[in-house]
Amino acid sequence: MSEQYAALITEFYRSFQTRQAQAMADCYHPDAIFSDPAFPRLQGAEIGRMWGMLLSRATDLDIEFGDIKADGMTGTARWQARYTFSATKRPVVNRIAAEFQFKDGKIFRHTDRFDFWNWASQALGPTGLILGWTPMLKNKVQRQAAEGLRRYNQKLSA
């Protein structure tokens, strides 16, 4: 079972590297839950749409991944994203620790953790450096991320 789930995590990140949002979405259980500092709780099909939105915005995305571990219930990986943050045109190198839980051969829970202050300092410049540790800025980023996903979903529905 551990090899199956390690292969699933590898497939997920290879799909990310090649910008295949649907292949990424196919790795998730229909009732999956995703969380990271920008998107604190997405469920089901929202997860795939979030990856689709992020990939549609990416002009210079480079993904590296490794340190994959999995057993019959859980898994972990470390990955890094290099990209230009679209809102400010600032370069970002984000190092992420991912945790997974599996159900029915798919990813059921996916939690990405990263240093929000470090990310904000890179993506937002001086504002992120000064305010990146505050709940106020984190909440604002979460609201903007949710609004971006809402607008992306509207485009898909149109």
N, C-alpha and C. Protein backbone atom coordinates (compact mmCIF):
# COMPACT_ATOMS: atom_id res chain seq x y z
N MET A 1 0.82 -1.20 0.00
CA MET A 1 0.00 0.00 0.00
C MET A 1 0.86 1.26 0.00
N SER A 2 1.98 1.24 0.72
CA SER A 2 2.80 2.45 0.80
C SER A 2 3.37 2.82 -0.57
N GLU A 3 3.74 1.82 -1.38
CA GLU A 3 4.26 2.11 -2.73
C GLU A 3 3.17 2.73 -3.60
N GLN A 4 1.94 2.25 -3.46
CA GLN A 4 0.82 2.81 -4.23
C GLN A 4 0.63 4.28 -3.90
N TYR A 5 0.68 4.64 -2.63
CA TYR A 5 0.45 6.03 -2.25
C TYR A 5 1.65 6.92 -2.54
N ALA A 6 2.84 6.38 -2.42
CA ALA A 6 4.03 7.15 -2.83
C ALA A 6 3.95 7.44 -4.33
N ALA A 7 3.48 6.47 -5.11
CA ALA A 7 3.32 6.66 -6.56
C ALA A 7 2.23 7.70 -6.84
N LEU A 8 1.17 7.71 -6.05
CA LEU A 8 0.10 8.69 -6.21
C LEU A 8 0.62 10.11 -5.96
N ILE A 9 1.40 10.28 -4.90
CA ILE A 9 1.98 11.59 -4.60
C ILE A 9 2.91 12.02 -5.73
N THR A 10 3.72 11.09 -6.21
CA THR A 10 4.63 11.39 -7.33
C THR A 10 3.85 11.79 -8.58
N GLU A 11 2.78 11.06 -8.87
CA GLU A 11 1.93 11.38 -10.03
C GLU A 11 1.34 12.79 -9.87
N PHE A 12 0.90 13.13 -8.66
CA PHE A 12 0.33 14.45 -8.40
C PHE A 12 1.35 15.55 -8.73
N TYR A 13 2.56 15.42 -8.21
CA TYR A 13 3.56 16.48 -8.42
C TYR A 13 4.11 16.48 -9.85
N ARG A 14 4.19 15.33 -10.49
CA ARG A 14 4.59 15.33 -11.91
C ARG A 14 3.54 16.03 -12.76
N SER A 15 2.28 15.83 -12.43
CA SER A 15 1.20 16.53 -13.13
C SER A 15 1.30 18.03 -12.87
N PHE A 16 1.68 18.41 -11.67
CA PHE A 16 1.87 19.82 -11.33
C PHE A 16 3.01 20.39 -12.17
N GLN A 17 4.11 19.67 -12.26
CA GLN A 17 5.26 20.12 -13.04
C GLN A 17 4.90 20.36 -14.50
N THR A 18 4.02 19.52 -15.04
CA THR A 18 3.65 19.62 -16.45
C THR A 18 2.34 20.39 -16.66
N ARG A 19 1.88 21.03 -15.59
CA ARG A 19 0.71 21.91 -15.64
C ARG A 19 -0.56 21.22 -16.12
N GLN A 20 -0.80 20.05 -15.60
CA GLN A 20 -2.00 19.28 -15.94
C GLN A 20 -2.96 19.28 -14.76
N ALA A 21 -3.75 20.33 -14.66
CA ALA A 21 -4.65 20.51 -13.51
C ALA A 21 -5.65 19.36 -13.38
N GLN A 22 -6.18 18.86 -14.50
CA GLN A 22 -7.16 17.79 -14.40
C GLN A 22 -6.51 16.52 -13.86
N ALA A 23 -5.30 16.23 -14.27
CA ALA A 23 -4.59 15.06 -13.74
C ALA A 23 -4.33 15.22 -12.25
N MET A 24 -4.04 16.44 -11.81
CA MET A 24 -3.88 16.70 -10.38
C MET A 24 -5.20 16.44 -9.66
N ALA A 25 -6.30 16.99 -10.21
CA ALA A 25 -7.62 16.82 -9.60
C ALA A 25 -8.01 15.35 -9.52
N ASP A 26 -7.61 14.58 -10.52
CA ASP A 26 -7.96 13.15 -10.54
C ASP A 26 -7.28 12.36 -9.42
N CYS A 27 -6.27 12.93 -8.80
CA CYS A 27 -5.59 12.26 -7.69
C CYS A 27 -6.39 12.35 -6.38
N TYR A 28 -7.37 13.24 -6.35
CA TYR A 28 -8.15 13.47 -5.13
C TYR A 28 -9.41 12.63 -5.06
N HIS A 29 -9.76 12.24 -3.86
CA HIS A 29 -11.04 11.61 -3.56
C HIS A 29 -12.14 12.66 -3.79
N PRO A 30 -13.33 12.25 -4.23
CA PRO A 30 -14.40 13.23 -4.47
C PRO A 30 -14.76 14.07 -3.23
N ASP A 31 -14.54 13.54 -2.03
CA ASP A 31 -14.86 14.26 -0.80
C ASP A 31 -13.61 14.84 -0.13
N ALA A 32 -12.56 15.03 -0.88
CA ALA A 32 -11.28 15.48 -0.32
C ALA A 32 -11.39 16.87 0.30
N ILE A 33 -10.44 17.14 1.19
CA ILE A 33 -10.31 18.44 1.83
C ILE A 33 -8.86 18.90 1.65
N PHE A 34 -8.70 20.16 1.24
CA PHE A 34 -7.38 20.75 1.06
C PHE A 34 -7.26 21.98 1.94
N SER A 35 -6.06 22.21 2.46
CA SER A 35 -5.82 23.41 3.26
C SER A 35 -4.38 23.87 3.08
N ASP A 36 -4.23 25.20 2.98
CA ASP A 36 -2.92 25.84 3.05
C ASP A 36 -3.14 27.25 3.58
N PRO A 37 -2.09 28.04 3.81
CA PRO A 37 -2.30 29.37 4.38
C PRO A 37 -3.15 30.31 3.53
N ALA A 38 -3.19 30.13 2.23
CA ALA A 38 -4.00 31.01 1.37
C ALA A 38 -5.42 30.49 1.19
N PHE A 39 -5.56 29.18 1.15
CA PHE A 39 -6.87 28.54 0.97
C PHE A 39 -7.08 27.61 2.18
N PRO A 40 -7.65 28.14 3.27
CA PRO A 40 -7.71 27.36 4.50
C PRO A 40 -8.64 26.14 4.47
N ARG A 41 -9.61 26.11 3.57
CA ARG A 41 -10.47 24.91 3.51
C ARG A 41 -11.21 24.86 2.18
N LEU A 42 -10.72 23.99 1.32
CA LEU A 42 -11.42 23.70 0.07
C LEU A 42 -11.87 22.26 0.11
N GLN A 43 -12.98 21.97 -0.56
CA GLN A 43 -13.51 20.61 -0.56
C GLN A 43 -13.86 20.16 -1.97
N GLY A 44 -13.70 18.86 -2.19
CA GLY A 44 -14.13 18.23 -3.42
C GLY A 44 -13.60 18.90 -4.67
N ALA A 45 -14.50 19.20 -5.61
CA ALA A 45 -14.12 19.75 -6.91
C ALA A 45 -13.45 21.13 -6.80
N GLU A 46 -13.69 21.86 -5.69
CA GLU A 46 -13.04 23.16 -5.51
C GLU A 46 -11.51 23.03 -5.57
N ILE A 47 -11.01 21.91 -5.10
CA ILE A 47 -9.56 21.71 -5.05
C ILE A 47 -8.97 21.70 -6.46
N GLY A 48 -9.55 20.92 -7.32
CA GLY A 48 -9.07 20.87 -8.70
C GLY A 48 -9.19 22.21 -9.41
N ARG A 49 -10.28 22.93 -9.12
CA ARG A 49 -10.45 24.25 -9.73
C ARG A 49 -9.40 25.23 -9.21
N MET A 50 -9.03 25.12 -7.93
CA MET A 50 -7.97 25.98 -7.39
C MET A 50 -6.66 25.73 -8.12
N TRP A 51 -6.29 24.44 -8.31
CA TRP A 51 -5.05 24.15 -9.04
C TRP A 51 -5.16 24.67 -10.47
N GLY A 52 -6.33 24.50 -11.09
CA GLY A 52 -6.52 25.02 -12.45
C GLY A 52 -6.32 26.52 -12.52
N MET A 53 -6.88 27.24 -11.55
CA MET A 53 -6.73 28.70 -11.51
C MET A 53 -5.26 29.07 -11.34
N LEU A 54 -4.58 28.44 -10.40
CA LEU A 54 -3.17 28.78 -10.15
C LEU A 54 -2.32 28.48 -11.38
N LEU A 55 -2.57 27.36 -12.03
CA LEU A 55 -1.80 27.02 -13.23
C LEU A 55 -2.12 27.96 -14.39
N SER A 56 -3.36 28.41 -14.47
CA SER A 56 -3.72 29.32 -15.56
C SER A 56 -3.03 30.68 -15.42
N ARG A 57 -2.69 31.05 -14.20
CA ARG A 57 -2.02 32.33 -13.94
C ARG A 57 -0.50 32.23 -14.07
N ALA A 58 0.02 31.02 -13.98
CA ALA A 58 1.47 30.82 -13.90
C ALA A 58 2.13 31.03 -15.26
N THR A 59 3.07 31.92 -15.32
CA THR A 59 3.80 32.15 -16.56
C THR A 59 5.20 31.53 -16.51
N ASP A 60 5.74 31.40 -15.32
CA ASP A 60 7.12 30.89 -15.19
C ASP A 60 7.25 29.92 -14.02
N LEU A 61 6.24 29.14 -13.77
CA LEU A 61 6.21 28.22 -12.64
C LEU A 61 7.21 27.09 -12.81
N ASP A 62 7.99 26.85 -11.76
CA ASP A 62 8.91 25.71 -11.71
C ASP A 62 8.66 24.98 -10.40
N ILE A 63 8.33 23.70 -10.50
CA ILE A 63 8.02 22.88 -9.33
C ILE A 63 9.11 21.82 -9.17
N GLU A 64 9.60 21.69 -7.96
CA GLU A 64 10.51 20.60 -7.58
C GLU A 64 9.88 19.89 -6.40
N PHE A 65 10.07 18.57 -6.32
CA PHE A 65 9.50 17.83 -5.20
C PHE A 65 10.40 16.66 -4.84
N GLY A 66 10.23 16.17 -3.61
CA GLY A 66 11.01 15.03 -3.16
C GLY A 66 10.64 14.66 -1.74
N ASP A 67 11.47 13.81 -1.14
CA ASP A 67 11.30 13.35 0.23
C ASP A 67 9.89 12.79 0.44
N ILE A 68 9.43 12.00 -0.52
CA ILE A 68 8.09 11.41 -0.45
C ILE A 68 8.12 10.19 0.43
N LYS A 69 7.18 10.16 1.37
CA LYS A 69 7.03 9.01 2.27
C LYS A 69 5.54 8.70 2.34
N ALA A 70 5.20 7.42 2.40
CA ALA A 70 3.79 7.05 2.51
C ALA A 70 3.67 5.68 3.16
N ASP A 71 2.59 5.52 3.91
CA ASP A 71 2.22 4.20 4.42
C ASP A 71 0.78 3.95 3.95
N GLY A 72 0.09 3.05 4.56
CA GLY A 72 -1.26 2.72 4.12
C GLY A 72 -2.31 3.77 4.42
N MET A 73 -1.97 4.75 5.25
CA MET A 73 -2.96 5.75 5.67
C MET A 73 -2.53 7.19 5.38
N THR A 74 -1.24 7.47 5.50
CA THR A 74 -0.77 8.85 5.42
C THR A 74 0.48 8.95 4.54
N GLY A 75 0.79 10.18 4.18
CA GLY A 75 2.00 10.43 3.40
C GLY A 75 2.50 11.85 3.61
N THR A 76 3.73 12.07 3.22
CA THR A 76 4.32 13.41 3.29
C THR A 76 5.19 13.63 2.06
N ALA A 77 5.43 14.88 1.77
CA ALA A 77 6.35 15.26 0.70
C ALA A 77 6.83 16.68 1.00
N ARG A 78 7.92 17.01 0.39
CA ARG A 78 8.42 18.39 0.42
C ARG A 78 8.46 18.85 -1.02
N TRP A 79 8.02 20.08 -1.24
CA TRP A 79 8.08 20.61 -2.59
C TRP A 79 8.39 22.10 -2.56
N GLN A 80 8.82 22.58 -3.69
CA GLN A 80 9.21 23.98 -3.83
C GLN A 80 8.62 24.53 -5.11
N ALA A 81 8.07 25.72 -5.01
CA ALA A 81 7.53 26.42 -6.18
C ALA A 81 8.32 27.70 -6.39
N ARG A 82 8.81 27.90 -7.61
CA ARG A 82 9.45 29.16 -8.02
C ARG A 82 8.55 29.77 -9.08
N TYR A 83 8.21 31.04 -8.87
CA TYR A 83 7.32 31.70 -9.82
C TYR A 83 7.34 33.20 -9.59
N THR A 84 6.74 33.92 -10.50
CA THR A 84 6.54 35.35 -10.33
C THR A 84 5.11 35.56 -9.84
N PHE A 85 4.97 36.23 -8.70
CA PHE A 85 3.64 36.49 -8.15
C PHE A 85 2.93 37.49 -9.07
N SER A 86 1.81 37.09 -9.63
CA SER A 86 1.17 37.87 -10.69
C SER A 86 0.75 39.26 -10.25
N ALA A 87 0.31 39.44 -9.03
CA ALA A 87 -0.20 40.75 -8.59
C ALA A 87 0.89 41.80 -8.47
N THR A 88 2.12 41.39 -8.14
CA THR A 88 3.19 42.36 -7.91
C THR A 88 4.38 42.19 -8.85
N LYS A 89 4.38 41.10 -9.61
CA LYS A 89 5.49 40.76 -10.52
C LYS A 89 6.80 40.52 -9.76
N ARG A 90 6.68 40.12 -8.50
CA ARG A 90 7.86 39.84 -7.68
C ARG A 90 8.17 38.35 -7.69
N PRO A 91 9.46 37.97 -7.72
CA PRO A 91 9.82 36.55 -7.71
C PRO A 91 9.62 35.91 -6.33
N VAL A 92 9.16 34.67 -6.34
CA VAL A 92 8.89 33.94 -5.11
C VAL A 92 9.53 32.55 -5.20
N VAL A 93 10.14 32.14 -4.10
CA VAL A 93 10.58 30.75 -3.92
C VAL A 93 9.89 30.29 -2.64
N ASN A 94 8.90 29.41 -2.80
CA ASN A 94 8.11 28.96 -1.66
C ASN A 94 8.41 27.48 -1.39
N ARG A 95 8.86 27.20 -0.16
CA ARG A 95 9.17 25.83 0.26
C ARG A 95 8.02 25.32 1.12
N ILE A 96 7.47 24.18 0.71
CA ILE A 96 6.24 23.69 1.31
C ILE A 96 6.43 22.27 1.83
N ALA A 97 5.85 22.00 3.00
CA ALA A 97 5.76 20.65 3.55
C ALA A 97 4.31 20.20 3.38
N ALA A 98 4.13 19.08 2.71
CA ALA A 98 2.79 18.56 2.43
C ALA A 98 2.52 17.32 3.27
N GLU A 99 1.30 17.24 3.76
CA GLU A 99 0.83 16.06 4.50
C GLU A 99 -0.42 15.55 3.80
N PHE A 100 -0.52 14.23 3.71
CA PHE A 100 -1.64 13.59 3.02
C PHE A 100 -2.27 12.52 3.88
N GLN A 101 -3.57 12.34 3.72
CA GLN A 101 -4.29 11.17 4.20
C GLN A 101 -5.00 10.58 2.99
N PHE A 102 -5.13 9.27 2.96
CA PHE A 102 -5.67 8.59 1.79
C PHE A 102 -6.96 7.84 2.13
N LYS A 103 -7.79 7.71 1.09
CA LYS A 103 -9.03 6.94 1.21
C LYS A 103 -9.39 6.42 -0.16
N ASP A 104 -9.70 5.14 -0.25
CA ASP A 104 -10.12 4.52 -1.51
C ASP A 104 -9.12 4.74 -2.64
N GLY A 105 -7.82 4.73 -2.30
CA GLY A 105 -6.78 4.85 -3.31
C GLY A 105 -6.53 6.26 -3.81
N LYS A 106 -7.10 7.26 -3.15
CA LYS A 106 -6.97 8.66 -3.56
C LYS A 106 -6.55 9.53 -2.38
N ILE A 107 -6.16 10.76 -2.67
CA ILE A 107 -5.85 11.73 -1.61
C ILE A 107 -7.17 12.20 -1.02
N PHE A 108 -7.31 12.03 0.30
CA PHE A 108 -8.53 12.43 0.99
C PHE A 108 -8.34 13.74 1.74
N ARG A 109 -7.20 13.92 2.35
CA ARG A 109 -6.85 15.18 3.01
C ARG A 109 -5.46 15.59 2.55
N HIS A 110 -5.32 16.86 2.22
CA HIS A 110 -4.03 17.39 1.76
C HIS A 110 -3.84 18.73 2.46
N THR A 111 -2.78 18.81 3.25
CA THR A 111 -2.46 20.03 3.97
C THR A 111 -1.06 20.47 3.57
N ASP A 112 -0.95 21.68 3.05
CA ASP A 112 0.34 22.28 2.72
C ASP A 112 0.67 23.33 3.77
N ARG A 113 1.89 23.24 4.30
CA ARG A 113 2.34 24.22 5.28
C ARG A 113 3.57 24.95 4.75
N PHE A 114 3.56 26.27 4.89
CA PHE A 114 4.73 27.07 4.54
C PHE A 114 4.76 28.31 5.42
N ASP A 115 5.91 28.94 5.45
CA ASP A 115 6.13 30.14 6.26
C ASP A 115 5.44 31.31 5.56
N PHE A 116 4.28 31.70 6.06
CA PHE A 116 3.50 32.76 5.41
C PHE A 116 4.26 34.08 5.39
N TRP A 117 4.92 34.43 6.48
CA TRP A 117 5.67 35.68 6.52
C TRP A 117 6.76 35.69 5.44
N ASN A 118 7.46 34.59 5.29
CA ASN A 118 8.50 34.50 4.25
C ASN A 118 7.88 34.66 2.86
N TRP A 119 6.77 33.96 2.62
CA TRP A 119 6.08 34.08 1.34
C TRP A 119 5.64 35.54 1.10
N ALA A 120 4.99 36.15 2.11
CA ALA A 120 4.49 37.51 1.97
C ALA A 120 5.62 38.50 1.74
N SER A 121 6.75 38.28 2.39
CA SER A 121 7.90 39.16 2.20
C SER A 121 8.38 39.14 0.75
N GLN A 122 8.36 37.97 0.14
CA GLN A 122 8.78 37.85 -1.25
C GLN A 122 7.70 38.37 -2.20
N ALA A 123 6.48 37.90 -2.01
CA ALA A 123 5.40 38.20 -2.95
C ALA A 123 4.93 39.65 -2.87
N LEU A 124 4.92 40.22 -1.68
CA LEU A 124 4.33 41.54 -1.48
C LEU A 124 5.37 42.62 -1.18
N GLY A 125 6.62 42.25 -1.07
CA GLY A 125 7.68 43.23 -0.83
C GLY A 125 7.61 43.83 0.56
N PRO A 126 7.86 45.14 0.68
CA PRO A 126 7.92 45.78 2.00
C PRO A 126 6.64 45.59 2.83
N THR A 127 5.49 45.62 2.19
CA THR A 127 4.24 45.41 2.93
C THR A 127 4.23 44.02 3.57
N GLY A 128 4.62 43.01 2.82
CA GLY A 128 4.67 41.65 3.35
C GLY A 128 5.72 41.49 4.43
N LEU A 129 6.84 42.16 4.25
CA LEU A 129 7.91 42.10 5.25
C LEU A 129 7.44 42.68 6.58
N ILE A 130 6.73 43.78 6.52
CA ILE A 130 6.29 44.46 7.74
C ILE A 130 5.05 43.79 8.34
N LEU A 131 4.09 43.40 7.49
CA LEU A 131 2.80 42.91 7.98
C LEU A 131 2.58 41.41 7.79
N GLY A 132 3.54 40.72 7.20
CA GLY A 132 3.35 39.31 6.86
C GLY A 132 3.08 38.39 8.03
N TRP A 133 3.44 38.80 9.21
CA TRP A 133 3.21 37.97 10.41
C TRP A 133 1.82 38.21 11.00
N THR A 134 1.09 39.21 10.52
CA THR A 134 -0.18 39.58 11.16
C THR A 134 -1.36 38.79 10.60
N PRO A 135 -2.32 38.48 11.47
CA PRO A 135 -3.55 37.85 10.98
C PRO A 135 -4.29 38.74 9.98
N MET A 136 -4.16 40.07 10.13
CA MET A 136 -4.83 40.99 9.21
C MET A 136 -4.40 40.73 7.76
N LEU A 137 -3.09 40.63 7.53
CA LEU A 137 -2.62 40.41 6.16
C LEU A 137 -2.99 39.01 5.68
N LYS A 138 -2.83 38.02 6.55
CA LYS A 138 -3.19 36.65 6.17
C LYS A 138 -4.66 36.57 5.78
N ASN A 139 -5.53 37.21 6.57
CA ASN A 139 -6.96 37.21 6.25
C ASN A 139 -7.23 37.91 4.93
N LYS A 140 -6.53 39.00 4.66
CA LYS A 140 -6.71 39.71 3.39
C LYS A 140 -6.29 38.83 2.22
N VAL A 141 -5.17 38.15 2.35
CA VAL A 141 -4.71 37.24 1.28
C VAL A 141 -5.73 36.12 1.08
N GLN A 142 -6.26 35.58 2.16
CA GLN A 142 -7.27 34.52 2.04
C GLN A 142 -8.53 35.02 1.34
N ARG A 143 -8.97 36.24 1.67
CA ARG A 143 -10.15 36.81 1.01
C ARG A 143 -9.89 37.02 -0.48
N GLN A 144 -8.71 37.54 -0.81
CA GLN A 144 -8.37 37.76 -2.22
C GLN A 144 -8.26 36.43 -2.97
N ALA A 145 -7.70 35.42 -2.33
CA ALA A 145 -7.59 34.10 -2.96
C ALA A 145 -8.98 33.52 -3.22
N ALA A 146 -9.86 33.63 -2.23
CA ALA A 146 -11.23 33.12 -2.39
C ALA A 146 -11.97 33.87 -3.49
N GLU A 147 -11.78 35.18 -3.56
CA GLU A 147 -12.43 35.97 -4.61
C GLU A 147 -11.87 35.60 -5.98
N GLY A 148 -10.57 35.39 -6.07
CA GLY A 148 -9.98 34.96 -7.33
C GLY A 148 -10.54 33.63 -7.79
N LEU A 149 -10.71 32.70 -6.86
CA LEU A 149 -11.27 31.39 -7.20
C LEU A 149 -12.74 31.53 -7.60
N ARG A 150 -13.47 32.39 -6.93
CA ARG A 150 -14.88 32.61 -7.29
C ARG A 150 -14.99 33.14 -8.72
N ARG A 151 -14.15 34.13 -9.06
CA ARG A 151 -14.17 34.69 -10.42
C ARG A 151 -13.74 33.64 -11.45
N TYR A 152 -12.75 32.83 -11.12
CA TYR A 152 -12.30 31.77 -12.02
C TYR A 152 -13.44 30.77 -12.26
N ASN A 153 -14.14 30.41 -11.21
CA ASN A 153 -15.28 29.47 -11.34
C ASN A 153 -16.38 30.08 -12.22
N GLN A 154 -16.60 31.38 -12.09
CA GLN A 154 -17.61 32.04 -12.93
C GLN A 154 -17.23 31.95 -14.40
N LYS A 155 -15.94 32.15 -14.70
CA LYS A 155 -15.47 32.03 -16.09
C LYS A 155 -15.70 30.63 -16.63
N LEU A 156 -15.45 29.63 -15.79
CA LEU A 156 -15.65 28.25 -16.22
C LEU A 156 -17.11 27.96 -16.50
N SER A 157 -18.00 28.60 -15.72
CA SER A 157 -19.44 28.36 -15.87
C SER A 157 -20.04 29.13 -17.05
N ALA A 158 -19.37 30.18 -17.48
CA ALA A 158 -19.92 31.03 -18.55
C ALA A 158 -19.85 30.38 -19.91
